[in-house]
Amino acid sequence: MTAGSPTALVWLRRDLRLTDNPAIEFARHHAERVVLAYIHAPDEESPWAPGAASRWWLHHSLTSLQRDLEARGQRLIIRQGPSLAALRALVADTGAQTVVWNRLYEPATIARDKAVKAALRGDGITAESCNGALLFEPWTVQTDQGAPYRVFTPFWKRCMKTLADVGDPTPVPEFGKAPPAGLACLKLDALELLPRIPWDAGFKQAWQPGEAGAHSLVEVLSDSIVARYGETRNRPDLVGTSCLSPHLHFGEISPRQIVAALAPAGHDAASAAGTEAYIRELGWREFAHHLLFHFPATQTEPLDPKFANYRWENSPALLKAWQRGQTGYPIVDAGLRELWHTGWMHNRVRMIVASLLVKNCQVHWLEGARWFWDTLVDADLANNTSGWQWTAGCGADAAPYYRIFNPVLQSERFDPDCRYLRRWVPELKGLPDKWLPRPWEAPDHVLRAAGVELGRTYPRPVVDLRESRDKALAGYADLKRPA
């Protein structure tokens, strides 16, 4: 280490890892002492302050990071916001002449970070930011005309030309001197991130937040999932996805680490194809951040302006039935119950449940986005916005307006043995496979034998698929007509 300034302060946010952390690398090469700090300031992310599931994950991720640092003779300093005031206090407490962080890309955090950087530099502090979250930062990928992309395929083709240049991950650094003794630090419990009424038992069973948990999942991905990823990623009844999305969101692992870990898996044809398919999914994450950066209004407004005046249904009853997994469509209810229990939902099922809400029920896509925001442990503004606008047909690279997922056909195709349905909709588990995805069509004697009474033990469908589809098509077709 060189002795540029004696102490550098690393402002951690959603980069809660020690491996391949550019901000830490910058700090340790410019100072003899590195102090790592987390500043809790959720109001600065308004109107998308972290939801309940995200707060749960954050608590346990910070706990894991504290343990990792203590094992290396270091500490994580926790303070409350406002961020600028807390950073200035830390600079005064530590004598730091350098403050560095990894960039975030949401509209609110971009504005906050620009103001913080300008203020610190005005104080005479070296303030720098790094890329620790993306393979390609949004402003580095442009069309030949110098414009942002609005379609995924050409965007990703452009990215793939320089994928080999993203560099290799860096190892856990040697930190050197410990933080100054007596440095004030809040207890993690003071942030009140955990639910006051326990509902997170399923979360604890499903997840291991933290850097070690992320590395474990990458090993499973490279050892047993990636070779069949192209075939299994759409199957909610199988272990066919990596489940790395919350770890990526909280920065417990970088996309560069995942790409590097999968490189050896590309040696045989099956693994090479699976690796390509998986990295393409990372590309969709990159594209979502590209869109939000260049079109920040899309966090609440449709990218396609024709949708600004679309007449959505205001139906609290339909929305509530959907949120509770009581729509009468088993694959939809299974997904929403999985979400409530584990804080996660399979990506194929996310598309199915979103399609029913915005196209069959005609409920505004923002209602679904807000529910996902509060209940997903991987709630990410770029991905959430992009996904819901894709389903609604109003975003970039959007699903055509006439693409309306049929939940019965989707269930039969992607959960052929009904294992997913039987796990999450147990009141229907006695039905034969033929009728489980469509219980309202089952003969009365079959329902009785399975102990199912529609309208009592399981709801009838909240909308008619054919009628609601025709209504949606008519409404969407009106938007396509020239004014």
Protein backbone atom coordinates (compact mmCIF):
# COMPACT_ATOMS: atom_id res chain seq x y z
CA MET A 1 0.00 0.00 0.00
CA THR A 2 1.08 3.54 -0.70
CA ALA A 3 0.63 6.29 1.82
CA GLY A 4 -1.37 8.86 -0.16
CA SER A 5 -3.52 9.90 2.77
CA PRO A 6 -3.32 8.04 6.08
CA THR A 7 -6.99 7.04 6.11
CA ALA A 8 -9.58 6.38 3.40
CA LEU A 9 -13.27 5.98 4.13
CA VAL A 10 -15.29 3.45 2.10
CA TRP A 11 -19.00 4.26 2.01
CA LEU A 12 -20.77 0.93 1.58
CA ARG A 13 -24.32 0.78 0.27
CA ARG A 14 -25.44 -2.16 -1.87
CA ASP A 15 -21.94 -3.58 -2.28
CA LEU A 16 -21.78 -5.67 0.88
CA ARG A 17 -18.79 -7.83 0.02
CA LEU A 18 -15.03 -7.90 0.43
CA THR A 19 -14.11 -9.79 -2.74
CA ASP A 20 -13.94 -7.84 -6.01
CA ASN A 21 -15.00 -4.57 -4.41
CA PRO A 22 -13.54 -1.69 -6.46
CA ALA A 23 -14.16 0.94 -3.77
CA ILE A 24 -12.18 -1.07 -1.22
CA GLU A 25 -9.44 -1.68 -3.77
CA PHE A 26 -9.22 2.05 -4.49
CA ALA A 27 -9.10 2.88 -0.79
CA ARG A 28 -6.38 0.38 0.12
CA HIS A 29 -4.16 1.63 -2.72
CA HIS A 30 -4.48 5.24 -1.58
CA ALA A 31 -4.27 4.96 2.20
CA GLU A 32 -2.58 3.11 5.05
CA ARG A 33 -5.87 2.66 6.91
CA VAL A 34 -9.25 1.77 5.41
CA VAL A 35 -12.46 2.43 7.37
CA LEU A 36 -15.63 0.75 6.09
CA ALA A 37 -18.92 2.44 6.95
CA TYR A 38 -22.59 1.76 6.29
CA ILE A 39 -24.93 4.76 6.60
CA HIS A 40 -28.61 4.00 6.94
CA ALA A 41 -30.61 6.63 5.06
CA PRO A 42 -33.62 4.94 3.41
CA ASP A 43 -35.53 8.21 3.00
CA GLU A 44 -32.90 9.32 0.51
CA GLU A 45 -34.15 6.59 -1.85
CA SER A 46 -37.74 7.87 -1.78
CA PRO A 47 -40.19 7.16 -3.34
CA TRP A 48 -38.63 3.70 -3.53
CA ALA A 49 -37.22 3.25 -0.04
CA PRO A 50 -36.45 -0.43 0.63
CA GLY A 51 -39.50 -2.60 1.30
CA ALA A 52 -40.02 -5.02 4.16
CA ALA A 53 -38.40 -8.04 2.49
CA SER A 54 -35.38 -5.99 1.40
CA ARG A 55 -34.93 -4.66 4.93
CA TRP A 56 -34.92 -8.24 6.25
CA TRP A 57 -32.20 -9.18 3.78
CA LEU A 58 -30.20 -6.05 4.55
CA HIS A 59 -30.14 -6.83 8.28
CA HIS A 60 -28.74 -10.30 7.72
CA SER A 61 -26.34 -9.19 4.99
CA LEU A 62 -24.86 -6.55 7.30
CA THR A 63 -24.60 -9.18 10.04
CA SER A 64 -22.65 -11.43 7.69
CA LEU A 65 -20.35 -8.59 6.63
CA GLN A 66 -19.68 -7.68 10.27
CA ARG A 67 -18.57 -11.26 10.96
CA ASP A 68 -16.33 -11.32 7.88
CA LEU A 69 -14.64 -8.08 8.91
CA GLU A 70 -14.21 -9.08 12.55
CA ALA A 71 -12.47 -12.26 11.40
CA ARG A 72 -9.90 -9.97 9.74
CA GLY A 73 -9.47 -7.64 12.69
CA GLN A 74 -11.67 -4.95 11.13
CA ARG A 75 -15.01 -3.32 11.99
CA LEU A 76 -18.02 -2.14 10.07
CA ILE A 77 -18.99 1.33 11.31
CA ILE A 78 -22.76 1.85 11.23
CA ARG A 79 -24.26 5.33 11.33
CA GLN A 80 -27.65 6.92 10.59
CA GLY A 81 -28.21 9.45 7.80
CA PRO A 82 -28.47 12.02 6.34
CA SER A 83 -25.58 10.60 4.36
CA LEU A 84 -23.63 13.80 3.79
CA ALA A 85 -23.77 14.80 7.46
CA ALA A 86 -22.76 11.28 8.52
CA LEU A 87 -19.84 11.21 6.08
CA ARG A 88 -18.62 14.59 7.25
CA ALA A 89 -18.78 13.37 10.84
CA LEU A 90 -16.82 10.25 9.91
CA VAL A 91 -14.21 12.33 8.11
CA ALA A 92 -13.81 14.42 11.26
CA ASP A 93 -13.68 11.34 13.50
CA THR A 94 -11.12 9.45 11.41
CA GLY A 95 -9.09 12.19 9.78
CA ALA A 96 -9.85 10.63 6.38
CA GLN A 97 -8.81 12.63 3.33
CA THR A 98 -10.40 10.23 0.86
CA VAL A 99 -14.01 9.00 0.62
CA VAL A 100 -14.86 6.40 -2.01
CA TRP A 101 -17.95 4.38 -2.91
CA ASN A 102 -19.39 2.14 -5.63
CA ARG A 103 -22.00 3.75 -7.84
CA LEU A 104 -25.75 3.21 -7.73
CA TYR A 105 -27.95 3.94 -10.73
CA GLU A 106 -31.45 4.82 -9.51
CA PRO A 107 -32.61 8.43 -10.11
CA ALA A 108 -32.78 9.29 -6.40
CA THR A 109 -29.38 7.82 -5.53
CA ILE A 110 -27.70 9.40 -8.57
CA ALA A 111 -28.91 12.85 -7.48
CA ARG A 112 -27.90 12.22 -3.86
CA ASP A 113 -24.44 10.92 -4.75
CA LYS A 114 -23.69 13.82 -7.10
CA ALA A 115 -24.56 16.28 -4.33
CA VAL A 116 -22.45 14.37 -1.80
CA LYS A 117 -19.45 14.21 -4.13
CA ALA A 118 -19.63 17.93 -4.87
CA ALA A 119 -19.97 18.84 -1.18
CA LEU A 120 -17.05 16.65 -0.07
CA ARG A 121 -14.80 17.99 -2.79
CA GLY A 122 -15.82 21.45 -1.69
CA ASP A 123 -14.56 20.50 1.78
CA GLY A 124 -11.19 19.61 0.28
CA ILE A 125 -11.80 15.84 0.50
CA THR A 126 -10.89 13.48 -2.33
CA ALA A 127 -14.26 11.94 -3.28
CA GLU A 128 -14.34 9.17 -5.88
CA SER A 129 -16.84 6.58 -7.11
CA CYS A 130 -16.32 3.24 -8.85
CA ASN A 131 -18.27 0.65 -10.80
CA GLY A 132 -18.91 -2.31 -8.53
CA ALA A 133 -22.37 -3.39 -9.70
CA LEU A 134 -22.48 -3.75 -13.49
CA LEU A 135 -20.49 -5.27 -16.31
CA PHE A 136 -21.21 -2.20 -18.46
CA GLU A 137 -22.15 1.17 -17.06
CA PRO A 138 -25.20 2.71 -18.75
CA TRP A 139 -23.40 5.56 -20.51
CA THR A 140 -20.75 3.28 -22.03
CA VAL A 141 -23.13 1.40 -24.35
CA GLN A 142 -24.61 3.41 -27.22
CA THR A 143 -26.06 2.91 -30.68
CA ASP A 144 -24.05 3.98 -33.71
CA GLN A 145 -25.97 7.25 -33.52
CA GLY A 146 -24.86 7.84 -29.93
CA ALA A 147 -28.30 7.14 -28.46
CA PRO A 148 -29.35 4.73 -25.69
CA TYR A 149 -30.74 1.36 -26.69
CA ARG A 150 -34.44 0.55 -26.38
CA VAL A 151 -34.27 -3.05 -27.66
CA PHE A 152 -32.39 -5.78 -25.84
CA THR A 153 -30.89 -7.85 -28.66
CA PRO A 154 -28.78 -5.11 -30.31
CA PHE A 155 -27.87 -3.80 -26.86
CA TRP A 156 -26.50 -7.18 -25.80
CA LYS A 157 -24.75 -7.76 -29.11
CA ARG A 158 -22.89 -4.50 -28.55
CA CYS A 159 -22.04 -5.51 -24.98
CA MET A 160 -20.78 -8.94 -26.00
CA LYS A 161 -18.12 -7.34 -28.20
CA THR A 162 -16.33 -6.09 -25.07
CA LEU A 163 -17.37 -8.70 -22.49
CA ALA A 164 -13.85 -10.11 -22.44
CA ASP A 165 -12.55 -6.67 -21.38
CA VAL A 166 -14.45 -6.41 -18.08
CA GLY A 167 -11.41 -7.73 -16.22
CA ASP A 168 -10.83 -10.37 -13.59
CA PRO A 169 -12.26 -10.26 -10.06
CA THR A 170 -9.95 -9.09 -7.31
CA PRO A 171 -9.41 -11.15 -4.14
CA VAL A 172 -10.21 -10.14 -0.57
CA PRO A 173 -7.70 -7.39 0.25
CA GLU A 174 -5.26 -7.05 3.09
CA PHE A 175 -6.64 -4.14 5.07
CA GLY A 176 -3.62 -3.11 7.14
CA LYS A 177 -4.41 -0.92 10.14
CA ALA A 178 -7.69 -1.35 12.00
CA PRO A 179 -10.11 1.60 12.37
CA PRO A 180 -9.32 4.05 15.17
CA ALA A 181 -10.30 2.79 18.61
CA GLY A 182 -13.41 4.27 20.14
CA LEU A 183 -15.04 5.13 16.82
CA ALA A 184 -18.77 5.55 17.47
CA CYS A 185 -20.90 2.81 15.89
CA LEU A 186 -24.59 2.05 16.09
CA LYS A 187 -25.77 -1.44 16.94
CA LEU A 188 -27.38 -3.08 13.92
CA ASP A 189 -30.65 -3.60 15.83
CA ALA A 190 -30.94 0.18 16.18
CA LEU A 191 -31.78 0.35 12.46
CA GLU A 192 -34.99 -1.65 13.14
CA LEU A 193 -34.77 -3.56 9.87
CA LEU A 194 -36.42 -6.76 11.06
CA PRO A 195 -40.23 -7.16 11.13
CA ARG A 196 -41.89 -6.38 14.46
CA ILE A 197 -44.51 -9.08 13.81
CA PRO A 198 -42.55 -12.20 12.75
CA TRP A 199 -43.55 -13.39 9.27
CA ASP A 200 -40.09 -14.30 8.04
CA ALA A 201 -39.77 -17.95 9.08
CA GLY A 202 -39.85 -19.03 5.43
CA PHE A 203 -37.15 -16.50 4.58
CA LYS A 204 -34.81 -18.03 7.16
CA GLN A 205 -35.32 -21.50 5.69
CA ALA A 206 -34.83 -20.37 2.09
CA TRP A 207 -31.88 -17.98 2.24
CA GLN A 208 -28.35 -17.39 3.51
CA PRO A 209 -27.77 -13.64 3.03
CA GLY A 210 -24.16 -12.56 2.77
CA GLU A 211 -21.08 -13.13 0.68
CA ALA A 212 -20.63 -16.76 1.76
CA GLY A 213 -24.21 -17.59 0.76
CA ALA A 214 -23.65 -16.02 -2.66
CA HIS A 215 -20.47 -18.02 -3.23
CA SER A 216 -22.26 -21.24 -2.27
CA LEU A 217 -24.95 -20.61 -4.89
CA VAL A 218 -22.36 -19.85 -7.56
CA GLU A 219 -20.75 -23.22 -6.85
CA VAL A 220 -24.10 -24.98 -7.27
CA LEU A 221 -24.73 -23.01 -10.46
CA SER A 222 -21.43 -23.95 -12.04
CA ASP A 223 -21.45 -27.57 -10.79
CA SER A 224 -25.00 -28.73 -11.48
CA ILE A 225 -27.33 -26.06 -12.90
CA VAL A 226 -25.61 -24.33 -15.78
CA ALA A 227 -25.26 -27.43 -17.97
CA ARG A 228 -29.08 -27.71 -18.16
CA TYR A 229 -29.90 -24.06 -17.63
CA GLY A 230 -31.40 -23.50 -21.08
CA GLU A 231 -33.84 -26.37 -20.48
CA THR A 232 -34.69 -25.93 -16.80
CA ARG A 233 -34.74 -22.17 -16.19
CA ASN A 234 -38.45 -21.98 -17.05
CA ARG A 235 -39.46 -24.84 -14.74
CA PRO A 236 -40.65 -23.68 -11.29
CA ASP A 237 -40.95 -27.31 -10.19
CA LEU A 238 -37.20 -27.88 -10.62
CA VAL A 239 -34.04 -26.40 -9.16
CA GLY A 240 -33.13 -24.81 -12.46
CA THR A 241 -32.19 -21.23 -11.63
CA SER A 242 -29.34 -19.75 -9.62
CA CYS A 243 -31.41 -17.72 -7.08
CA LEU A 244 -28.53 -15.22 -7.11
CA SER A 245 -30.70 -12.15 -7.75
CA PRO A 246 -30.88 -10.90 -4.12
CA HIS A 247 -27.14 -11.46 -3.69
CA LEU A 248 -26.52 -9.43 -6.85
CA HIS A 249 -28.87 -6.67 -5.73
CA PHE A 250 -27.13 -6.25 -2.39
CA GLY A 251 -23.71 -6.54 -3.98
CA GLU A 252 -22.70 -9.66 -2.07
CA ILE A 253 -21.28 -10.86 -5.36
CA SER A 254 -20.45 -8.99 -8.55
CA PRO A 255 -21.57 -9.99 -12.05
CA ARG A 256 -17.89 -10.10 -12.97
CA GLN A 257 -17.35 -12.83 -10.35
CA ILE A 258 -20.20 -14.87 -11.79
CA VAL A 259 -18.88 -14.59 -15.35
CA ALA A 260 -15.43 -15.66 -14.16
CA ALA A 261 -16.84 -18.59 -12.17
CA LEU A 262 -18.77 -19.88 -15.17
CA ALA A 263 -15.82 -19.71 -17.57
CA PRO A 264 -14.59 -23.25 -16.70
CA ALA A 265 -18.14 -24.58 -17.15
CA GLY A 266 -18.06 -23.75 -20.84
CA HIS A 267 -15.78 -26.61 -21.80
CA ASP A 268 -18.41 -29.10 -23.02
CA ALA A 269 -21.21 -28.23 -25.44
CA ALA A 270 -24.05 -28.43 -22.92
CA SER A 271 -22.27 -26.32 -20.34
CA ALA A 272 -21.20 -23.81 -22.98
CA ALA A 273 -24.81 -23.37 -24.12
CA GLY A 274 -26.04 -23.09 -20.54
CA THR A 275 -23.34 -20.57 -19.70
CA GLU A 276 -24.29 -18.46 -22.70
CA ALA A 277 -27.97 -18.58 -21.70
CA TYR A 278 -27.20 -17.63 -18.11
CA ILE A 279 -24.90 -14.74 -18.99
CA ARG A 280 -27.62 -13.50 -21.34
CA GLU A 281 -29.88 -13.27 -18.28
CA LEU A 282 -27.21 -11.12 -16.64
CA GLY A 283 -27.48 -9.08 -19.82
CA TRP A 284 -31.16 -8.42 -19.13
CA ARG A 285 -30.14 -7.05 -15.74
CA GLU A 286 -27.64 -4.77 -17.46
CA PHE A 287 -30.32 -3.66 -19.94
CA ALA A 288 -32.76 -2.84 -17.14
CA HIS A 289 -30.19 -0.53 -15.53
CA HIS A 290 -29.43 0.99 -18.94
CA LEU A 291 -33.12 1.81 -19.41
CA LEU A 292 -33.67 3.30 -15.95
CA PHE A 293 -30.56 5.45 -16.23
CA HIS A 294 -31.48 6.89 -19.62
CA PHE A 295 -35.24 7.03 -19.04
CA PRO A 296 -35.61 7.79 -15.30
CA ALA A 297 -39.30 8.72 -15.58
CA THR A 298 -40.08 5.05 -16.26
CA GLN A 299 -39.98 4.30 -12.54
CA THR A 300 -43.59 5.59 -12.51
CA GLU A 301 -44.46 6.45 -16.14
CA PRO A 302 -44.68 4.23 -19.23
CA LEU A 303 -41.81 4.44 -21.67
CA ASP A 304 -44.35 4.26 -24.49
CA PRO A 305 -46.29 7.52 -24.12
CA LYS A 306 -49.38 6.01 -25.74
CA PHE A 307 -50.02 4.20 -22.47
CA ALA A 308 -50.17 7.39 -20.41
CA ASN A 309 -53.93 7.65 -20.94
CA TYR A 310 -54.77 3.95 -20.79
CA ARG A 311 -57.91 3.35 -18.74
CA TRP A 312 -56.84 0.88 -16.07
CA GLU A 313 -59.40 -0.72 -13.75
CA ASN A 314 -59.55 0.56 -10.19
CA SER A 315 -60.43 -2.68 -8.41
CA PRO A 316 -59.16 -3.04 -4.84
CA ALA A 317 -60.94 -6.40 -4.57
CA LEU A 318 -59.12 -7.88 -7.57
CA LEU A 319 -55.79 -6.50 -6.37
CA LYS A 320 -56.30 -7.91 -2.88
CA ALA A 321 -57.25 -11.35 -4.20
CA TRP A 322 -54.13 -11.32 -6.37
CA GLN A 323 -51.86 -10.22 -3.52
CA ARG A 324 -53.15 -12.97 -1.26
CA GLY A 325 -52.88 -15.74 -3.83
CA GLN A 326 -56.64 -16.20 -3.99
CA THR A 327 -57.34 -15.63 -7.69
CA GLY A 328 -58.70 -19.09 -8.42
CA TYR A 329 -55.89 -19.76 -10.90
CA PRO A 330 -53.56 -22.25 -9.19
CA ILE A 331 -50.29 -21.30 -10.93
CA VAL A 332 -50.89 -17.62 -10.09
CA ASP A 333 -51.83 -18.37 -6.49
CA ALA A 334 -48.84 -20.69 -6.11
CA GLY A 335 -46.48 -17.95 -7.23
CA LEU A 336 -47.91 -15.31 -4.93
CA ARG A 337 -47.87 -17.67 -1.95
CA GLU A 338 -44.28 -18.64 -2.72
CA LEU A 339 -43.49 -14.91 -2.77
CA TRP A 340 -45.12 -14.28 0.61
CA HIS A 341 -43.46 -17.29 2.23
CA THR A 342 -39.94 -17.00 0.79
CA GLY A 343 -39.60 -13.44 -0.52
CA TRP A 344 -38.94 -14.79 -4.01
CA MET A 345 -40.83 -16.03 -7.05
CA HIS A 346 -39.62 -18.00 -10.04
CA ASN A 347 -39.11 -15.74 -13.06
CA ARG A 348 -41.47 -17.65 -15.36
CA VAL A 349 -44.16 -17.45 -12.70
CA ARG A 350 -43.50 -13.71 -12.26
CA MET A 351 -44.48 -13.23 -15.89
CA ILE A 352 -47.61 -15.34 -15.48
CA VAL A 353 -48.86 -13.58 -12.34
CA ALA A 354 -48.05 -10.16 -13.79
CA SER A 355 -49.91 -10.93 -17.00
CA LEU A 356 -53.06 -11.93 -15.11
CA LEU A 357 -53.00 -8.72 -13.06
CA VAL A 358 -52.34 -6.17 -15.80
CA LYS A 359 -53.98 -7.82 -18.80
CA ASN A 360 -56.81 -10.00 -17.50
CA CYS A 361 -57.64 -7.93 -14.42
CA GLN A 362 -56.59 -4.65 -16.10
CA VAL A 363 -55.02 -3.37 -12.87
CA HIS A 364 -52.27 -0.76 -13.34
CA TRP A 365 -48.80 -2.27 -13.57
CA LEU A 366 -47.58 0.06 -10.81
CA GLU A 367 -49.82 -1.73 -8.30
CA GLY A 368 -48.03 -4.96 -9.07
CA ALA A 369 -44.65 -3.28 -9.05
CA ARG A 370 -45.31 -1.84 -5.58
CA TRP A 371 -46.37 -5.23 -4.23
CA PHE A 372 -43.25 -6.88 -5.60
CA TRP A 373 -41.17 -4.02 -4.22
CA ASP A 374 -42.35 -4.70 -0.67
CA THR A 375 -42.33 -8.50 -0.78
CA LEU A 376 -39.30 -9.51 -2.91
CA VAL A 377 -35.93 -9.98 -1.26
CA ASP A 378 -34.41 -9.17 -4.67
CA ALA A 379 -36.54 -6.04 -5.21
CA ASP A 380 -34.49 -3.93 -7.59
CA LEU A 381 -35.91 -0.75 -9.11
CA ALA A 382 -34.39 -1.26 -12.55
CA ASN A 383 -35.41 -4.92 -12.86
CA ASN A 384 -38.82 -4.41 -11.26
CA THR A 385 -39.69 -1.46 -13.49
CA SER A 386 -38.43 -3.15 -16.64
CA GLY A 387 -40.24 -6.41 -15.90
CA TRP A 388 -43.62 -4.86 -15.18
CA GLN A 389 -43.47 -2.53 -18.17
CA TRP A 390 -42.48 -5.48 -20.35
CA THR A 391 -45.55 -7.40 -19.24
CA ALA A 392 -47.84 -4.39 -19.57
CA GLY A 393 -46.54 -3.78 -23.08
CA CYS A 394 -45.57 -0.18 -22.37
CA GLY A 395 -41.81 -0.47 -21.94
CA ALA A 396 -38.71 -1.05 -24.03
CA ASP A 397 -38.57 -4.42 -25.76
CA ALA A 398 -42.07 -4.93 -24.38
CA ALA A 399 -44.22 -8.00 -24.84
CA PRO A 400 -46.61 -7.36 -27.76
CA TYR A 401 -50.00 -6.15 -26.59
CA TYR A 402 -51.59 -9.35 -27.84
CA ARG A 403 -49.26 -11.56 -25.72
CA ILE A 404 -51.48 -12.52 -22.79
CA PHE A 405 -50.27 -15.52 -20.85
CA ASN A 406 -52.87 -18.22 -20.34
CA PRO A 407 -52.18 -19.41 -16.77
CA VAL A 408 -53.62 -22.87 -17.44
CA LEU A 409 -51.50 -23.54 -20.51
CA GLN A 410 -48.43 -22.08 -18.83
CA SER A 411 -48.97 -24.33 -15.82
CA GLU A 412 -49.40 -27.44 -17.94
CA ARG A 413 -46.28 -26.66 -19.96
CA PHE A 414 -43.88 -25.61 -17.21
CA ASP A 415 -45.18 -27.63 -14.23
CA PRO A 416 -46.24 -30.80 -16.06
CA ASP A 417 -46.35 -33.03 -12.97
CA CYS A 418 -48.03 -30.34 -10.82
CA ARG A 419 -45.29 -30.51 -8.20
CA TYR A 420 -45.10 -26.73 -7.90
CA LEU A 421 -48.87 -26.43 -7.58
CA ARG A 422 -49.11 -29.13 -4.92
CA ARG A 423 -46.40 -27.49 -2.86
CA TRP A 424 -47.92 -24.01 -2.77
CA VAL A 425 -51.65 -24.72 -3.19
CA PRO A 426 -52.00 -27.73 -0.89
CA GLU A 427 -55.80 -27.46 -0.67
CA LEU A 428 -55.87 -28.76 -4.26
CA LYS A 429 -53.23 -31.48 -3.93
CA GLY A 430 -55.78 -34.30 -4.03
CA LEU A 431 -56.92 -33.38 -7.55
CA PRO A 432 -55.62 -35.44 -10.49
CA ASP A 433 -52.97 -33.73 -12.61
CA LYS A 434 -55.51 -33.23 -15.39
CA TRP A 435 -57.68 -30.95 -13.28
CA LEU A 436 -55.26 -29.35 -10.86
CA PRO A 437 -54.35 -26.39 -13.15
CA ARG A 438 -58.08 -25.84 -13.92
CA PRO A 439 -60.16 -26.97 -10.93
CA TRP A 440 -63.28 -25.05 -12.03
CA GLU A 441 -63.58 -27.45 -14.99
CA ALA A 442 -63.32 -30.61 -12.87
CA PRO A 443 -66.45 -32.77 -12.54
CA ASP A 444 -68.28 -32.50 -9.23
CA HIS A 445 -67.43 -36.04 -8.18
CA VAL A 446 -63.71 -35.39 -8.78
CA LEU A 447 -63.85 -32.25 -6.64
CA ARG A 448 -65.70 -34.08 -3.86
CA ALA A 449 -63.21 -36.94 -3.87
CA ALA A 450 -60.35 -34.43 -3.50
CA GLY A 451 -62.10 -32.52 -0.72
CA VAL A 452 -62.36 -29.38 -2.85
CA GLU A 453 -65.38 -27.10 -2.68
CA LEU A 454 -65.01 -24.17 -5.04
CA GLY A 455 -65.92 -20.90 -3.41
CA ARG A 456 -65.22 -22.31 0.05
CA THR A 457 -61.99 -24.33 0.26
CA TYR A 458 -60.58 -22.70 -2.88
CA PRO A 459 -61.84 -19.62 -4.74
CA ARG A 460 -63.50 -19.58 -8.11
CA PRO A 461 -61.60 -17.64 -10.81
CA VAL A 462 -61.77 -13.89 -10.22
CA VAL A 463 -62.04 -13.19 -13.96
CA ASP A 464 -63.05 -15.20 -17.01
CA LEU A 465 -59.96 -15.81 -19.12
CA ARG A 466 -61.65 -15.52 -22.51
CA GLU A 467 -63.77 -12.47 -21.71
CA SER A 468 -60.96 -10.61 -19.94
CA ARG A 469 -58.56 -11.42 -22.76
CA ASP A 470 -60.96 -10.02 -25.36
CA LYS A 471 -61.44 -6.87 -23.27
CA ALA A 472 -57.69 -6.38 -22.91
CA LEU A 473 -57.09 -6.90 -26.62
CA ALA A 474 -59.74 -4.32 -27.47
CA GLY A 475 -58.24 -1.77 -25.10
CA TYR A 476 -54.70 -2.36 -26.30
CA ALA A 477 -55.72 -2.26 -29.94
CA ASP A 478 -57.25 1.19 -29.40
CA LEU A 479 -53.82 2.43 -28.33
CA LYS A 480 -52.25 1.22 -31.56
CA ARG A 481 -54.63 3.13 -33.80
CA PRO A 482 -53.29 6.44 -35.13
CA ALA A 483 -54.70 9.47 -33.30
